[in-house]
Amino acid sequence: MSGFMWHVTPITVLVSAVAVIVLVFLGVLPALAALGGIVAGMGVGWLVGRVVVALANRAGDAR
């Protein structure tokens, strides 16, 4: 019986470790996605700002 338990225990530890990793991942992924969304939004805002400034400069030059 003790031999059987010796085989089962590492598997149980492995399964629980994987479960913990998965749970941590599920907790971290939305945070990373939110952070990525904020960074992307800032990047898009910066690009739009640059385009608007460039267009305003062009319009100023044309006058």
PDB file of N, CA and C in Angstrom:
ATOM      1  N   MET A   1       0.846  -1.210   0.000  1.00  0.00           N
ATOM      2  CA  MET A   1       0.000   0.000   0.000  1.00  0.00           C
ATOM      3  C   MET A   1       0.880   1.259   0.000  1.00  0.00           C
ATOM      4  N   SER A   2       1.971   1.201   0.776  1.00  0.00           N
ATOM      5  CA  SER A   2       2.832   2.380   0.861  1.00  0.00           C
ATOM      6  C   SER A   2       3.470   2.668  -0.497  1.00  0.00           C
ATOM      7  N   GLY A   3       3.794   1.616  -1.268  1.00  0.00           N
ATOM      8  CA  GLY A   3       4.335   1.790  -2.611  1.00  0.00           C
ATOM      9  C   GLY A   3       3.328   2.475  -3.511  1.00  0.00           C
ATOM     10  N   PHE A   4       2.080   2.084  -3.399  1.00  0.00           N
ATOM     11  CA  PHE A   4       1.000   2.686  -4.186  1.00  0.00           C
ATOM     12  C   PHE A   4       0.865   4.172  -3.844  1.00  0.00           C
ATOM     13  N   MET A   5       0.907   4.475  -2.558  1.00  0.00           N
ATOM     14  CA  MET A   5       0.791   5.868  -2.122  1.00  0.00           C
ATOM     15  C   MET A   5       1.966   6.689  -2.651  1.00  0.00           C
ATOM     16  N   TRP A   6       3.145   6.080  -2.711  1.00  0.00           N
ATOM     17  CA  TRP A   6       4.334   6.783  -3.187  1.00  0.00           C
ATOM     18  C   TRP A   6       4.165   7.178  -4.652  1.00  0.00           C
ATOM     19  N   HIS A   7       3.447   6.334  -5.407  1.00  0.00           N
ATOM     20  CA  HIS A   7       3.194   6.657  -6.811  1.00  0.00           C
ATOM     21  C   HIS A   7       2.123   7.739  -6.952  1.00  0.00           C
ATOM     22  N   VAL A   8       1.120   7.697  -6.083  1.00  0.00           N
ATOM     23  CA  VAL A   8      -0.014   8.623  -6.186  1.00  0.00           C
ATOM     24  C   VAL A   8       0.385  10.028  -5.752  1.00  0.00           C
ATOM     25  N   THR A   9       1.189  10.138  -4.706  1.00  0.00           N
ATOM     26  CA  THR A   9       1.490  11.442  -4.113  1.00  0.00           C
ATOM     27  C   THR A   9       2.134  12.427  -5.098  1.00  0.00           C
ATOM     28  N   PRO A  10       3.178  12.045  -5.860  1.00  0.00           N
ATOM     29  CA  PRO A  10       3.764  13.011  -6.808  1.00  0.00           C
ATOM     30  C   PRO A  10       2.751  13.497  -7.837  1.00  0.00           C
ATOM     31  N   ILE A  11       1.873  12.577  -8.273  1.00  0.00           N
ATOM     32  CA  ILE A  11       0.835  12.953  -9.244  1.00  0.00           C
ATOM     33  C   ILE A  11      -0.103  13.980  -8.623  1.00  0.00           C
ATOM     34  N   THR A  12      -0.513  13.725  -7.384  1.00  0.00           N
ATOM     35  CA  THR A  12      -1.405  14.663  -6.678  1.00  0.00           C
ATOM     36  C   THR A  12      -0.749  16.030  -6.533  1.00  0.00           C
ATOM     37  N   VAL A  13       0.534  16.022  -6.155  1.00  0.00           N
ATOM     38  CA  VAL A  13       1.284  17.278  -6.001  1.00  0.00           C
ATOM     39  C   VAL A  13       1.357  18.008  -7.339  1.00  0.00           C
ATOM     40  N   LEU A  14       1.637  17.245  -8.404  1.00  0.00           N
ATOM     41  CA  LEU A  14       1.744  17.824  -9.738  1.00  0.00           C
ATOM     42  C   LEU A  14       0.413  18.443 -10.166  1.00  0.00           C
ATOM     43  N   VAL A  15      -0.676  17.705  -9.965  1.00  0.00           N
ATOM     44  CA  VAL A  15      -2.014  18.194 -10.342  1.00  0.00           C
ATOM     45  C   VAL A  15      -2.366  19.462  -9.572  1.00  0.00           C
ATOM     46  N   SER A  16      -2.096  19.456  -8.269  1.00  0.00           N
ATOM     47  CA  SER A  16      -2.414  20.636  -7.455  1.00  0.00           C
ATOM     48  C   SER A  16      -1.549  21.821  -7.871  1.00  0.00           C
ATOM     49  N   ALA A  17      -0.266  21.558  -8.215  1.00  0.00           N
ATOM     50  CA  ALA A  17       0.627  22.633  -8.659  1.00  0.00           C
ATOM     51  C   ALA A  17       0.115  23.228  -9.964  1.00  0.00           C
ATOM     52  N   VAL A  18      -0.298  22.370 -10.891  1.00  0.00           N
ATOM     53  CA  VAL A  18      -0.848  22.839 -12.169  1.00  0.00           C
ATOM     54  C   VAL A  18      -2.115  23.651 -11.929  1.00  0.00           C
ATOM     55  N   ALA A  19      -2.966  23.169 -11.024  1.00  0.00           N
ATOM     56  CA  ALA A  19      -4.211  23.879 -10.703  1.00  0.00           C
ATOM     57  C   ALA A  19      -3.898  25.277 -10.166  1.00  0.00           C
ATOM     58  N   VAL A  20      -2.915  25.370  -9.275  1.00  0.00           N
ATOM     59  CA  VAL A  20      -2.521  26.666  -8.702  1.00  0.00           C
ATOM     60  C   VAL A  20      -1.998  27.587  -9.801  1.00  0.00           C
ATOM     61  N   ILE A  21      -1.144  27.042 -10.685  1.00  0.00           N
ATOM     62  CA  ILE A  21      -0.579  27.840 -11.775  1.00  0.00           C
ATOM     63  C   ILE A  21      -1.694  28.366 -12.675  1.00  0.00           C
ATOM     64  N   VAL A  22      -2.656  27.485 -12.991  1.00  0.00           N
ATOM     65  CA  VAL A  22      -3.781  27.884 -13.846  1.00  0.00           C
ATOM     66  C   VAL A  22      -4.591  28.994 -13.183  1.00  0.00           C
ATOM     67  N   LEU A  23      -4.853  28.841 -11.889  1.00  0.00           N
ATOM     68  CA  LEU A  23      -5.621  29.860 -11.158  1.00  0.00           C
ATOM     69  C   LEU A  23      -4.876  31.194 -11.155  1.00  0.00           C
ATOM     70  N   VAL A  24      -3.567  31.143 -10.918  1.00  0.00           N
ATOM     71  CA  VAL A  24      -2.757  32.368 -10.926  1.00  0.00           C
ATOM     72  C   VAL A  24      -2.809  33.013 -12.307  1.00  0.00           C
ATOM     73  N   PHE A  25      -2.692  32.173 -13.352  1.00  0.00           N
ATOM     74  CA  PHE A  25      -2.744  32.671 -14.724  1.00  0.00           C
ATOM     75  C   PHE A  25      -4.075  33.355 -14.989  1.00  0.00           C
ATOM     76  N   LEU A  26      -5.168  32.711 -14.561  1.00  0.00           N
ATOM     77  CA  LEU A  26      -6.503  33.282 -14.775  1.00  0.00           C
ATOM     78  C   LEU A  26      -6.636  34.615 -14.032  1.00  0.00           C
ATOM     79  N   GLY A  27      -5.937  34.753 -12.911  1.00  0.00           N
ATOM     80  CA  GLY A  27      -5.962  36.011 -12.178  1.00  0.00           C
ATOM     81  C   GLY A  27      -5.101  37.071 -12.845  1.00  0.00           C
ATOM     82  N   VAL A  28      -3.961  36.643 -13.422  1.00  0.00           N
ATOM     83  CA  VAL A  28      -2.998  37.591 -13.986  1.00  0.00           C
ATOM     84  C   VAL A  28      -3.406  38.056 -15.385  1.00  0.00           C
ATOM     85  N   LEU A  29      -3.986  37.142 -16.177  1.00  0.00           N
ATOM     86  CA  LEU A  29      -4.313  37.468 -17.571  1.00  0.00           C
ATOM     87  C   LEU A  29      -5.227  38.688 -17.708  1.00  0.00           C
ATOM     88  N   PRO A  30      -6.339  38.762 -16.963  1.00  0.00           N
ATOM     89  CA  PRO A  30      -7.183  39.963 -17.098  1.00  0.00           C
ATOM     90  C   PRO A  30      -6.437  41.247 -16.731  1.00  0.00           C
ATOM     91  N   ALA A  31      -5.573  41.163 -15.718  1.00  0.00           N
ATOM     92  CA  ALA A  31      -4.777  42.333 -15.322  1.00  0.00           C
ATOM     93  C   ALA A  31      -3.840  42.734 -16.454  1.00  0.00           C
ATOM     94  N   LEU A  32      -3.185  41.740 -17.062  1.00  0.00           N
ATOM     95  CA  LEU A  32      -2.286  42.018 -18.187  1.00  0.00           C
ATOM     96  C   LEU A  32      -3.074  42.579 -19.365  1.00  0.00           C
ATOM     97  N   ALA A  33      -4.255  42.009 -19.610  1.00  0.00           N
ATOM     98  CA  ALA A  33      -5.090  42.487 -20.714  1.00  0.00           C
ATOM     99  C   ALA A  33      -5.507  43.936 -20.475  1.00  0.00           C
ATOM    100  N   ALA A  34      -5.881  44.254 -19.239  1.00  0.00           N
ATOM    101  CA  ALA A  34      -6.278  45.621 -18.902  1.00  0.00           C
ATOM    102  C   ALA A  34      -5.095  46.570 -19.088  1.00  0.00           C
ATOM    103  N   LEU A  35      -3.930  46.144 -18.608  1.00  0.00           N
ATOM    104  CA  LEU A  35      -2.722  46.965 -18.744  1.00  0.00           C
ATOM    105  C   LEU A  35      -2.390  47.166 -20.216  1.00  0.00           C
ATOM    106  N   GLY A  36      -2.474  46.079 -21.001  1.00  0.00           N
ATOM    107  CA  GLY A  36      -2.237  46.166 -22.437  1.00  0.00           C
ATOM    108  C   GLY A  36      -3.217  47.113 -23.103  1.00  0.00           C
ATOM    109  N   GLY A  37      -4.482  47.054 -22.682  1.00  0.00           N
ATOM    110  CA  GLY A  37      -5.503  47.946 -23.236  1.00  0.00           C
ATOM    111  C   GLY A  37      -5.202  49.400 -22.925  1.00  0.00           C
ATOM    112  N   ILE A  38      -4.754  49.666 -21.693  1.00  0.00           N
ATOM    113  CA  ILE A  38      -4.419  51.046 -21.298  1.00  0.00           C
ATOM    114  C   ILE A  38      -3.242  51.555 -22.127  1.00  0.00           C
ATOM    115  N   VAL A  39      -2.205  50.704 -22.247  1.00  0.00           N
ATOM    116  CA  VAL A  39      -1.010  51.094 -23.016  1.00  0.00           C
ATOM    117  C   VAL A  39      -1.378  51.328 -24.480  1.00  0.00           C
ATOM    118  N   ALA A  40      -2.197  50.408 -25.044  1.00  0.00           N
ATOM    119  CA  ALA A  40      -2.627  50.554 -26.440  1.00  0.00           C
ATOM    120  C   ALA A  40      -3.440  51.829 -26.612  1.00  0.00           C
ATOM    121  N   GLY A  41      -4.334  52.107 -25.657  1.00  0.00           N
ATOM    122  CA  GLY A  41      -5.137  53.328 -25.720  1.00  0.00           C
ATOM    123  C   GLY A  41      -4.272  54.569 -25.682  1.00  0.00           C
ATOM    124  N   MET A  42      -3.244  54.555 -24.822  1.00  0.00           N
ATOM    125  CA  MET A  42      -2.324  55.687 -24.751  1.00  0.00           C
ATOM    126  C   MET A  42      -1.560  55.838 -26.066  1.00  0.00           C
ATOM    127  N   GLY A  43      -1.140  54.704 -26.635  1.00  0.00           N
ATOM    128  CA  GLY A  43      -0.415  54.724 -27.904  1.00  0.00           C
ATOM    129  C   GLY A  43      -1.272  55.299 -29.019  1.00  0.00           C
ATOM    130  N   VAL A  44      -2.532  54.861 -29.080  1.00  0.00           N
ATOM    131  CA  VAL A  44      -3.456  55.359 -30.111  1.00  0.00           C
ATOM    132  C   VAL A  44      -3.709  56.846 -29.904  1.00  0.00           C
ATOM    133  N   GLY A  45      -3.920  57.247 -28.652  1.00  0.00           N
ATOM    134  CA  GLY A  45      -4.140  58.664 -28.352  1.00  0.00           C
ATOM    135  C   GLY A  45      -2.942  59.510 -28.780  1.00  0.00           C
ATOM    136  N   TRP A  46      -1.729  58.993 -28.516  1.00  0.00           N
ATOM    137  CA  TRP A  46      -0.507  59.711 -28.911  1.00  0.00           C
ATOM    138  C   TRP A  46      -0.428  59.838 -30.425  1.00  0.00           C
ATOM    139  N   LEU A  47      -0.742  58.725 -31.149  1.00  0.00           N
ATOM    140  CA  LEU A  47      -0.704  58.739 -32.617  1.00  0.00           C
ATOM    141  C   LEU A  47      -1.713  59.741 -33.167  1.00  0.00           C
ATOM    142  N   VAL A  48      -2.939  59.707 -32.640  1.00  0.00           N
ATOM    143  CA  VAL A  48      -3.977  60.635 -33.095  1.00  0.00           C
ATOM    144  C   VAL A  48      -3.532  62.069 -32.841  1.00  0.00           C
ATOM    145  N   GLY A  49      -2.943  62.305 -31.664  1.00  0.00           N
ATOM    146  CA  GLY A  49      -2.440  63.638 -31.347  1.00  0.00           C
ATOM    147  C   GLY A  49      -1.385  64.093 -32.343  1.00  0.00           C
ATOM    148  N   ARG A  50      -0.449  63.203 -32.695  1.00  0.00           N
ATOM    149  CA  ARG A  50       0.592  63.536 -33.664  1.00  0.00           C
ATOM    150  C   ARG A  50      -0.015  63.873 -35.024  1.00  0.00           C
ATOM    151  N   VAL A  51      -0.996  63.055 -35.455  1.00  0.00           N
ATOM    152  CA  VAL A  51      -1.649  63.279 -36.756  1.00  0.00           C
ATOM    153  C   VAL A  51      -2.366  64.621 -36.761  1.00  0.00           C
ATOM    154  N   VAL A  52      -3.076  64.914 -35.671  1.00  0.00           N
ATOM    155  CA  VAL A  52      -3.816  66.186 -35.581  1.00  0.00           C
ATOM    156  C   VAL A  52      -2.838  67.361 -35.639  1.00  0.00           C
ATOM    157  N   VAL A  53      -1.727  67.256 -34.911  1.00  0.00           N
ATOM    158  CA  VAL A  53      -0.720  68.325 -34.912  1.00  0.00           C
ATOM    159  C   VAL A  53      -0.129  68.494 -36.312  1.00  0.00           C
ATOM    160  N   ALA A  54       0.185  67.359 -36.962  1.00  0.00           N
ATOM    161  CA  ALA A  54       0.750  67.415 -38.310  1.00  0.00           C
ATOM    162  C   ALA A  54      -0.235  68.068 -39.284  1.00  0.00           C
ATOM    163  N   LEU A  55      -1.507  67.694 -39.186  1.00  0.00           N
ATOM    164  CA  LEU A  55      -2.533  68.273 -40.066  1.00  0.00           C
ATOM    165  C   LEU A  55      -2.695  69.758 -39.783  1.00  0.00           C
ATOM    166  N   ALA A  56      -2.658  70.131 -38.517  1.00  0.00           N
ATOM    167  CA  ALA A  56      -2.777  71.554 -38.161  1.00  0.00           C
ATOM    168  C   ALA A  56      -1.597  72.333 -38.715  1.00  0.00           C
ATOM    169  N   ASN A  57      -0.396  71.754 -38.638  1.00  0.00           N
ATOM    170  CA  ASN A  57       0.792  72.417 -39.197  1.00  0.00           C
ATOM    171  C   ASN A  57       0.665  72.555 -40.710  1.00  0.00           C
ATOM    172  N   ARG A  58       0.176  71.530 -41.361  1.00  0.00           N
ATOM    173  CA  ARG A  58      -0.010  71.586 -42.826  1.00  0.00           C
ATOM    174  C   ARG A  58      -1.004  72.690 -43.181  1.00  0.00           C
ATOM    175  N   ALA A  59      -2.107  72.725 -42.417  1.00  0.00           N
ATOM    176  CA  ALA A  59      -3.131  73.732 -42.678  1.00  0.00           C
ATOM    177  C   ALA A  59      -2.533  75.123 -42.443  1.00  0.00           C
ATOM    178  N   GLY A  60      -1.702  75.244 -41.425  1.00  0.00           N
ATOM    179  CA  GLY A  60      -1.055  76.531 -41.140  1.00  0.00           C
ATOM    180  C   GLY A  60      -0.091  76.925 -42.252  1.00  0.00           C
ATOM    181  N   ASP A  61       0.618  75.946 -42.796  1.00  0.00           N
ATOM    182  CA  ASP A  61       1.552  76.220 -43.887  1.00  0.00           C
ATOM    183  C   ASP A  61       0.806  76.622 -45.156  1.00  0.00           C
ATOM    184  N   ALA A  62      -0.336  75.996 -45.402  1.00  0.00           N
ATOM    185  CA  ALA A  62      -1.104  76.243 -46.622  1.00  0.00           C
ATOM    186  C   ALA A  62      -1.643  77.669 -46.630  1.00  0.00           C
ATOM    187  N   ARG A  63      -1.914  78.171 -45.411  1.00  0.00           N
ATOM    188  CA  ARG A  63      -2.506  79.515 -45.361  1.00  0.00           C
ATOM    189  C   ARG A  63      -1.527  80.529 -45.837  1.00  0.00           C
TER     190      ARG A  63
END
